[in-house]
PDB file of N, CA and C in Angstrom:
ATOM      1  N   MET A   1      89.561 104.862  86.502  1.00  0.00           N
ATOM      2  CA  MET A   1      89.541 103.443  86.738  1.00  0.00           C
ATOM      3  C   MET A   1      90.310 103.158  88.029  1.00  0.00           C
ATOM      4  N   THR A   2      89.654 102.485  88.960  1.00  0.00           N
ATOM      5  CA  THR A   2      90.300 102.163  90.225  1.00  0.00           C
ATOM      6  C   THR A   2      89.991 100.728  90.631  1.00  0.00           C
ATOM      7  N   VAL A   3      90.825 100.197  91.509  1.00  0.00           N
ATOM      8  CA  VAL A   3      90.613  98.866  92.071  1.00  0.00           C
ATOM      9  C   VAL A   3      89.583  98.981  93.190  1.00  0.00           C
ATOM     10  N   VAL A   4      88.582  98.099  93.153  1.00  0.00           N
ATOM     11  CA  VAL A   4      87.552  98.117  94.194  1.00  0.00           C
ATOM     12  C   VAL A   4      87.629  96.904  95.103  1.00  0.00           C
ATOM     13  N   SER A   5      88.310  95.839  94.646  1.00  0.00           N
ATOM     14  CA  SER A   5      88.509  94.692  95.529  1.00  0.00           C
ATOM     15  C   SER A   5      89.759  93.932  95.112  1.00  0.00           C
ATOM     16  N   VAL A   6      90.296  93.207  96.085  1.00  0.00           N
ATOM     17  CA  VAL A   6      91.481  92.392  95.854  1.00  0.00           C
ATOM     18  C   VAL A   6      91.355  91.131  96.688  1.00  0.00           C
ATOM     19  N   ARG A   7      91.816  90.018  96.110  1.00  0.00           N
ATOM     20  CA  ARG A   7      91.880  88.776  96.890  1.00  0.00           C
ATOM     21  C   ARG A   7      93.104  87.983  96.448  1.00  0.00           C
ATOM     22  N   SER A   8      93.681  87.319  97.402  1.00  0.00           N
ATOM     23  CA  SER A   8      94.859  86.497  97.156  1.00  0.00           C
ATOM     24  C   SER A   8      94.485  85.339  96.239  1.00  0.00           C
ATOM     25  N   GLN A   9      95.377  85.035  95.299  1.00  0.00           N
ATOM     26  CA  GLN A   9      95.165  83.944  94.348  1.00  0.00           C
ATOM     27  C   GLN A   9      96.330  82.961  94.388  1.00  0.00           C
ATOM     28  N   GLY A  10      96.880  82.713  95.546  1.00  0.00           N
ATOM     29  CA  GLY A  10      98.006  81.790  95.636  1.00  0.00           C
ATOM     30  C   GLY A  10      99.304  82.544  95.827  1.00  0.00           C
ATOM     31  N   VAL A  11     100.393  81.881  95.485  1.00  0.00           N
ATOM     32  CA  VAL A  11     101.723  82.421  95.743  1.00  0.00           C
ATOM     33  C   VAL A  11     101.950  83.712  94.955  1.00  0.00           C
ATOM     34  N   ASN A  12     102.004  84.823  95.691  1.00  0.00           N
ATOM     35  CA  ASN A  12     102.340  86.145  95.153  1.00  0.00           C
ATOM     36  C   ASN A  12     101.398  86.654  94.064  1.00  0.00           C
ATOM     37  N   SER A  13     100.227  86.067  93.907  1.00  0.00           N
ATOM     38  CA  SER A  13      99.272  86.528  92.906  1.00  0.00           C
ATOM     39  C   SER A  13      97.997  87.026  93.563  1.00  0.00           C
ATOM     40  N   VAL A  14      97.383  88.000  92.915  1.00  0.00           N
ATOM     41  CA  VAL A  14      96.113  88.542  93.399  1.00  0.00           C
ATOM     42  C   VAL A  14      95.139  88.662  92.238  1.00  0.00           C
ATOM     43  N   CYS A  15      93.871  88.676  92.567  1.00  0.00           N
ATOM     44  CA  CYS A  15      92.826  89.005  91.618  1.00  0.00           C
ATOM     45  C   CYS A  15      92.376  90.423  91.962  1.00  0.00           C
ATOM     46  N   LEU A  16      92.517  91.311  91.013  1.00  0.00           N
ATOM     47  CA  LEU A  16      92.104  92.700  91.182  1.00  0.00           C
ATOM     48  C   LEU A  16      90.805  92.909  90.419  1.00  0.00           C
ATOM     49  N   GLN A  17      89.816  93.518  91.082  1.00  0.00           N
ATOM     50  CA  GLN A  17      88.592  93.887  90.384  1.00  0.00           C
ATOM     51  C   GLN A  17      88.535  95.400  90.314  1.00  0.00           C
ATOM     52  N   TYR A  18      88.250  95.908  89.115  1.00  0.00           N
ATOM     53  CA  TYR A  18      88.209  97.344  88.864  1.00  0.00           C
ATOM     54  C   TYR A  18      86.769  97.846  88.871  1.00  0.00           C
ATOM     55  N   ASP A  19      86.618  99.144  89.002  1.00  0.00           N
ATOM     56  CA  ASP A  19      85.283  99.730  89.085  1.00  0.00           C
ATOM     57  C   ASP A  19      84.485  99.607  87.793  1.00  0.00           C
ATOM     58  N   ASP A  20      85.110  99.194  86.705  1.00  0.00           N
ATOM     59  CA  ASP A  20      84.374  98.962  85.457  1.00  0.00           C
ATOM     60  C   ASP A  20      83.932  97.507  85.322  1.00  0.00           C
ATOM     61  N   GLY A  21      84.151  96.709  86.385  1.00  0.00           N
ATOM     62  CA  GLY A  21      83.717  95.316  86.400  1.00  0.00           C
ATOM     63  C   GLY A  21      84.736  94.312  85.915  1.00  0.00           C
ATOM     64  N   VAL A  22      85.829  94.754  85.333  1.00  0.00           N
ATOM     65  CA  VAL A  22      86.866  93.850  84.835  1.00  0.00           C
ATOM     66  C   VAL A  22      87.720  93.365  86.004  1.00  0.00           C
ATOM     67  N   SER A  23      88.041  92.073  85.981  1.00  0.00           N
ATOM     68  CA  SER A  23      88.949  91.481  86.966  1.00  0.00           C
ATOM     69  C   SER A  23      90.156  90.912  86.241  1.00  0.00           C
ATOM     70  N   VAL A  24      91.319  91.058  86.839  1.00  0.00           N
ATOM     71  CA  VAL A  24      92.539  90.477  86.279  1.00  0.00           C
ATOM     72  C   VAL A  24      93.320  89.784  87.385  1.00  0.00           C
ATOM     73  N   ILE A  25      93.997  88.722  87.010  1.00  0.00           N
ATOM     74  CA  ILE A  25      94.887  88.028  87.944  1.00  0.00           C
ATOM     75  C   ILE A  25      96.302  88.483  87.632  1.00  0.00           C
ATOM     76  N   VAL A  26      97.006  88.917  88.672  1.00  0.00           N
ATOM     77  CA  VAL A  26      98.334  89.499  88.501  1.00  0.00           C
ATOM     78  C   VAL A  26      99.330  88.800  89.414  1.00  0.00           C
ATOM     79  N   ASP A  27     100.469  88.424  88.858  1.00  0.00           N
ATOM     80  CA  ASP A  27     101.589  87.916  89.641  1.00  0.00           C
ATOM     81  C   ASP A  27     102.388  89.130  90.108  1.00  0.00           C
ATOM     82  N   LEU A  28     102.400  89.369  91.400  1.00  0.00           N
ATOM     83  CA  LEU A  28     103.082  90.540  91.960  1.00  0.00           C
ATOM     84  C   LEU A  28     104.558  90.313  92.245  1.00  0.00           C
ATOM     85  N   THR A  29     105.079  89.129  91.967  1.00  0.00           N
ATOM     86  CA  THR A  29     106.463  88.802  92.306  1.00  0.00           C
ATOM     87  C   THR A  29     107.460  89.895  91.917  1.00  0.00           C
ATOM     88  N   PRO A  30     107.404  90.442  90.696  1.00  0.00           N
ATOM     89  CA  PRO A  30     108.398  91.456  90.324  1.00  0.00           C
ATOM     90  C   PRO A  30     108.278  92.762  91.126  1.00  0.00           C
ATOM     91  N   TYR A  31     107.171  92.956  91.820  1.00  0.00           N
ATOM     92  CA  TYR A  31     106.933  94.198  92.560  1.00  0.00           C
ATOM     93  C   TYR A  31     107.194  94.054  94.053  1.00  0.00           C
ATOM     94  N   LEU A  32     107.414  92.827  94.513  1.00  0.00           N
ATOM     95  CA  LEU A  32     107.615  92.572  95.936  1.00  0.00           C
ATOM     96  C   LEU A  32     109.104  92.606  96.259  1.00  0.00           C
ATOM     97  N   VAL A  33     109.708  93.762  96.065  1.00  0.00           N
ATOM     98  CA  VAL A  33     111.150  93.942  96.201  1.00  0.00           C
ATOM     99  C   VAL A  33     111.442  94.837  97.398  1.00  0.00           C
ATOM    100  N   GLY A  34     112.474  94.486  98.131  1.00  0.00           N
ATOM    101  CA  GLY A  34     112.912  95.293  99.261  1.00  0.00           C
ATOM    102  C   GLY A  34     112.473  94.705 100.592  1.00  0.00           C
ATOM    103  N   PRO A  35     113.080  95.194 101.658  1.00  0.00           N
ATOM    104  CA  PRO A  35     112.839  94.639 102.990  1.00  0.00           C
ATOM    105  C   PRO A  35     111.383  94.703 103.450  1.00  0.00           C
ATOM    106  N   ILE A  36     110.641  95.724 103.050  1.00  0.00           N
ATOM    107  CA  ILE A  36     109.252  95.825 103.514  1.00  0.00           C
ATOM    108  C   ILE A  36     108.399  94.675 102.986  1.00  0.00           C
ATOM    109  N   PHE A  37     108.838  94.055 101.881  1.00  0.00           N
ATOM    110  CA  PHE A  37     108.083  92.944 101.299  1.00  0.00           C
ATOM    111  C   PHE A  37     108.588  91.572 101.745  1.00  0.00           C
ATOM    112  N   ASP A  38     109.616  91.505 102.603  1.00  0.00           N
ATOM    113  CA  ASP A  38     110.176  90.220 103.036  1.00  0.00           C
ATOM    114  C   ASP A  38     109.101  89.288 103.596  1.00  0.00           C
ATOM    115  N   GLN A  39     108.322  89.759 104.552  1.00  0.00           N
ATOM    116  CA  GLN A  39     107.301  88.916 105.172  1.00  0.00           C
ATOM    117  C   GLN A  39     106.203  88.558 104.165  1.00  0.00           C
ATOM    118  N   ILE A  40     105.881  89.468 103.290  1.00  0.00           N
ATOM    119  CA  ILE A  40     104.845  89.230 102.289  1.00  0.00           C
ATOM    120  C   ILE A  40     105.279  88.123 101.330  1.00  0.00           C
ATOM    121  N   ARG A  41     106.541  88.142 100.909  1.00  0.00           N
ATOM    122  CA  ARG A  41     107.075  87.114 100.010  1.00  0.00           C
ATOM    123  C   ARG A  41     107.202  85.759 100.687  1.00  0.00           C
ATOM    124  N   SER A  42     107.516  85.746 101.966  1.00  0.00           N
ATOM    125  CA  SER A  42     107.854  84.491 102.643  1.00  0.00           C
ATOM    126  C   SER A  42     106.711  83.852 103.423  1.00  0.00           C
ATOM    127  N   ASP A  43     105.613  84.561 103.611  1.00  0.00           N
ATOM    128  CA  ASP A  43     104.513  84.051 104.450  1.00  0.00           C
ATOM    129  C   ASP A  43     103.197  84.182 103.678  1.00  0.00           C
ATOM    130  N   ALA A  44     102.727  83.059 103.136  1.00  0.00           N
ATOM    131  CA  ALA A  44     101.505  83.069 102.318  1.00  0.00           C
ATOM    132  C   ALA A  44     100.302  83.590 103.100  1.00  0.00           C
ATOM    133  N   ARG A  45     100.248  83.294 104.367  1.00  0.00           N
ATOM    134  CA  ARG A  45      99.109  83.778 105.160  1.00  0.00           C
ATOM    135  C   ARG A  45      99.153  85.298 105.286  1.00  0.00           C
ATOM    136  N   PHE A  46     100.336  85.848 105.487  1.00  0.00           N
ATOM    137  CA  PHE A  46     100.457  87.308 105.552  1.00  0.00           C
ATOM    138  C   PHE A  46     100.161  87.929 104.187  1.00  0.00           C
ATOM    139  N   PHE A  47     100.641  87.302 103.111  1.00  0.00           N
ATOM    140  CA  PHE A  47     100.344  87.797 101.770  1.00  0.00           C
ATOM    141  C   PHE A  47      98.835  87.916 101.565  1.00  0.00           C
ATOM    142  N   SER A  48      98.086  86.936 102.062  1.00  0.00           N
ATOM    143  CA  SER A  48      96.633  86.916 101.858  1.00  0.00           C
ATOM    144  C   SER A  48      95.895  88.004 102.634  1.00  0.00           C
ATOM    145  N   GLU A  49      96.591  88.739 103.476  1.00  0.00           N
ATOM    146  CA  GLU A  49      95.969  89.836 104.218  1.00  0.00           C
ATOM    147  C   GLU A  49      95.908  91.129 103.410  1.00  0.00           C
ATOM    148  N   VAL A  50      96.197  91.057 102.121  1.00  0.00           N
ATOM    149  CA  VAL A  50      96.158  92.224 101.237  1.00  0.00           C
ATOM    150  C   VAL A  50      94.753  92.828 101.233  1.00  0.00           C
ATOM    151  N   ARG A  51      94.703  94.156 101.197  1.00  0.00           N
ATOM    152  CA  ARG A  51      93.442  94.906 101.212  1.00  0.00           C
ATOM    153  C   ARG A  51      93.530  96.073 100.236  1.00  0.00           C
ATOM    154  N   VAL A  52      92.377  96.630  99.894  1.00  0.00           N
ATOM    155  CA  VAL A  52      92.305  97.836  99.067  1.00  0.00           C
ATOM    156  C   VAL A  52      92.203  99.038  99.986  1.00  0.00           C
ATOM    157  N   ASP A  53      92.975 100.061  99.688  1.00  0.00           N
ATOM    158  CA  ASP A  53      92.831 101.355 100.371  1.00  0.00           C
ATOM    159  C   ASP A  53      92.085 102.278  99.411  1.00  0.00           C
ATOM    160  N   PRO A  54      90.760 102.430  99.597  1.00  0.00           N
ATOM    161  CA  PRO A  54      89.974 103.203  98.641  1.00  0.00           C
ATOM    162  C   PRO A  54      90.315 104.692  98.617  1.00  0.00           C
ATOM    163  N   SER A  55      90.873 105.206  99.686  1.00  0.00           N
ATOM    164  CA  SER A  55      91.208 106.630  99.704  1.00  0.00           C
ATOM    165  C   SER A  55      92.433 106.945  98.844  1.00  0.00           C
ATOM    166  N   PHE A  56      93.321 105.950  98.639  1.00  0.00           N
ATOM    167  CA  PHE A  56      94.514 106.162  97.817  1.00  0.00           C
ATOM    168  C   PHE A  56      94.475 105.371  96.516  1.00  0.00           C
ATOM    169  N   GLY A  57      93.569 104.411  96.412  1.00  0.00           N
ATOM    170  CA  GLY A  57      93.495 103.589  95.213  1.00  0.00           C
ATOM    171  C   GLY A  57      94.621 102.588  95.109  1.00  0.00           C
ATOM    172  N   SER A  58      95.166 102.195  96.244  1.00  0.00           N
ATOM    173  CA  SER A  58      96.272 101.242  96.254  1.00  0.00           C
ATOM    174  C   SER A  58      95.836  99.965  96.962  1.00  0.00           C
ATOM    175  N   ILE A  59      96.700  98.942  96.873  1.00  0.00           N
ATOM    176  CA  ILE A  59      96.520  97.770  97.719  1.00  0.00           C
ATOM    177  C   ILE A  59      97.642  97.792  98.744  1.00  0.00           C
ATOM    178  N   PHE A  60      97.353  97.234  99.921  1.00  0.00           N
ATOM    179  CA  PHE A  60      98.335  97.320 101.006  1.00  0.00           C
ATOM    180  C   PHE A  60      98.238  96.112 101.914  1.00  0.00           C
ATOM    181  N   TRP A  61      99.260  95.961 102.735  1.00  0.00           N
ATOM    182  CA  TRP A  61      99.326  94.908 103.744  1.00  0.00           C
ATOM    183  C   TRP A  61      99.456  95.556 105.118  1.00  0.00           C
ATOM    184  N   PRO A  62      99.169  94.799 106.184  1.00  0.00           N
ATOM    185  CA  PRO A  62      99.199  95.361 107.543  1.00  0.00           C
ATOM    186  C   PRO A  62     100.542  95.959 107.968  1.00  0.00           C
ATOM    187  N   ASN A  63     101.641  95.579 107.323  1.00  0.00           N
ATOM    188  CA  ASN A  63     102.946  96.126 107.706  1.00  0.00           C
ATOM    189  C   ASN A  63     103.241  97.473 107.038  1.00  0.00           C
ATOM    190  N   GLY A  64     102.285  97.983 106.235  1.00  0.00           N
ATOM    191  CA  GLY A  64     102.464  99.278 105.581  1.00  0.00           C
ATOM    192  C   GLY A  64     102.947  99.197 104.144  1.00  0.00           C
ATOM    193  N   ALA A  65     103.314  98.013 103.671  1.00  0.00           N
ATOM    194  CA  ALA A  65     103.728  97.857 102.278  1.00  0.00           C
ATOM    195  C   ALA A  65     102.525  98.089 101.374  1.00  0.00           C
ATOM    196  N   ASP A  66     102.779  98.687 100.208  1.00  0.00           N
ATOM    197  CA  ASP A  66     101.685  98.902  99.272  1.00  0.00           C
ATOM    198  C   ASP A  66     102.192  98.862  97.843  1.00  0.00           C
ATOM    199  N   ILE A  67     101.238  98.770  96.923  1.00  0.00           N
ATOM    200  CA  ILE A  67     101.506  98.852  95.488  1.00  0.00           C
ATOM    201  C   ILE A  67     100.783 100.102  95.000  1.00  0.00           C
ATOM    202  N   ALA A  68     101.489 100.962  94.311  1.00  0.00           N
ATOM    203  CA  ALA A  68     100.960 102.268  93.891  1.00  0.00           C
ATOM    204  C   ALA A  68      99.761 102.133  92.952  1.00  0.00           C
ATOM    205  N   PRO A  69      98.840 103.091  93.032  1.00  0.00           N
ATOM    206  CA  PRO A  69      97.670 103.075  92.155  1.00  0.00           C
ATOM    207  C   PRO A  69      98.033 103.079  90.673  1.00  0.00           C
ATOM    208  N   GLU A  70      99.082 103.767  90.296  1.00  0.00           N
ATOM    209  CA  GLU A  70      99.497 103.830  88.895  1.00  0.00           C
ATOM    210  C   GLU A  70      99.873 102.444  88.371  1.00  0.00           C
ATOM    211  N   THR A  71     100.501 101.658  89.221  1.00  0.00           N
ATOM    212  CA  THR A  71     100.875 100.294  88.856  1.00  0.00           C
ATOM    213  C   THR A  71      99.632  99.438  88.689  1.00  0.00           C
ATOM    214  N   LEU A  72      98.667  99.599  89.579  1.00  0.00           N
ATOM    215  CA  LEU A  72      97.435  98.819  89.507  1.00  0.00           C
ATOM    216  C   LEU A  72      96.649  99.145  88.238  1.00  0.00           C
ATOM    217  N   ILE A  73      96.645 100.395  87.845  1.00  0.00           N
ATOM    218  CA  ILE A  73      95.965 100.793  86.610  1.00  0.00           C
ATOM    219  C   ILE A  73      96.676 100.183  85.399  1.00  0.00           C
ATOM    220  N   ALA A  74      97.997 100.159  85.440  1.00  0.00           N
ATOM    221  CA  ALA A  74      98.762  99.561  84.343  1.00  0.00           C
ATOM    222  C   ALA A  74      98.440  98.075  84.196  1.00  0.00           C
ATOM    223  N   PHE A  75      98.237  97.370  85.316  1.00  0.00           N
ATOM    224  CA  PHE A  75      97.868  95.956  85.242  1.00  0.00           C
ATOM    225  C   PHE A  75      96.571  95.798  84.459  1.00  0.00           C
ATOM    226  N   ARG A  76      95.638  96.704  84.664  1.00  0.00           N
ATOM    227  CA  ARG A  76      94.339  96.642  83.975  1.00  0.00           C
ATOM    228  C   ARG A  76      94.534  96.800  82.472  1.00  0.00           C
ATOM    229  N   ARG A  77      95.425  97.661  82.097  1.00  0.00           N
ATOM    230  CA  ARG A  77      95.627  97.964  80.670  1.00  0.00           C
ATOM    231  C   ARG A  77      96.356  96.856  79.918  1.00  0.00           C
ATOM    232  N   VAL A  78      97.327  96.210  80.586  1.00  0.00           N
ATOM    233  CA  VAL A  78      98.195  95.289  79.847  1.00  0.00           C
ATOM    234  C   VAL A  78      98.067  93.820  80.231  1.00  0.00           C
ATOM    235  N   ASN A  79      97.334  93.519  81.267  1.00  0.00           N
ATOM    236  CA  ASN A  79      97.280  92.123  81.706  1.00  0.00           C
ATOM    237  C   ASN A  79      96.582  91.249  80.669  1.00  0.00           C
ATOM    238  N   ALA A  80      97.217  90.187  80.275  1.00  0.00           N
ATOM    239  CA  ALA A  80      96.682  89.306  79.232  1.00  0.00           C
ATOM    240  C   ALA A  80      95.622  88.362  79.769  1.00  0.00           C
ATOM    241  N   ARG A  81      95.652  88.091  81.079  1.00  0.00           N
ATOM    242  CA  ARG A  81      94.752  87.092  81.633  1.00  0.00           C
ATOM    243  C   ARG A  81      93.625  87.769  82.380  1.00  0.00           C
ATOM    244  N   GLN A  82      92.432  87.720  81.856  1.00  0.00           N
ATOM    245  CA  GLN A  82      91.275  88.285  82.530  1.00  0.00           C
ATOM    246  C   GLN A  82      90.389  87.166  83.039  1.00  0.00           C
ATOM    247  N   THR A  83      89.716  87.429  84.167  1.00  0.00           N
ATOM    248  CA  THR A  83      88.844  86.403  84.743  1.00  0.00           C
ATOM    249  C   THR A  83      87.410  86.682  84.403  1.00  0.00           C
TER     250      THR A  83
END
């Protein structure tokens, strides 16, 4: 199971779509920790530049910050809100 698309859903939230067709909305606030995420947390336009890296199965931003594939898979398993 991997993420095939991502789109910004407002302040610190994204909609992740998985290869099985399921989409979930996730608040990334608890994961945006540390200096590399400063601009992502403080600039909504920069946050919206999130993309999927299909070679690693992660999501990332232009400054090199990313969320690990294992975390993204966990969101699929436990997220209560599906779209």
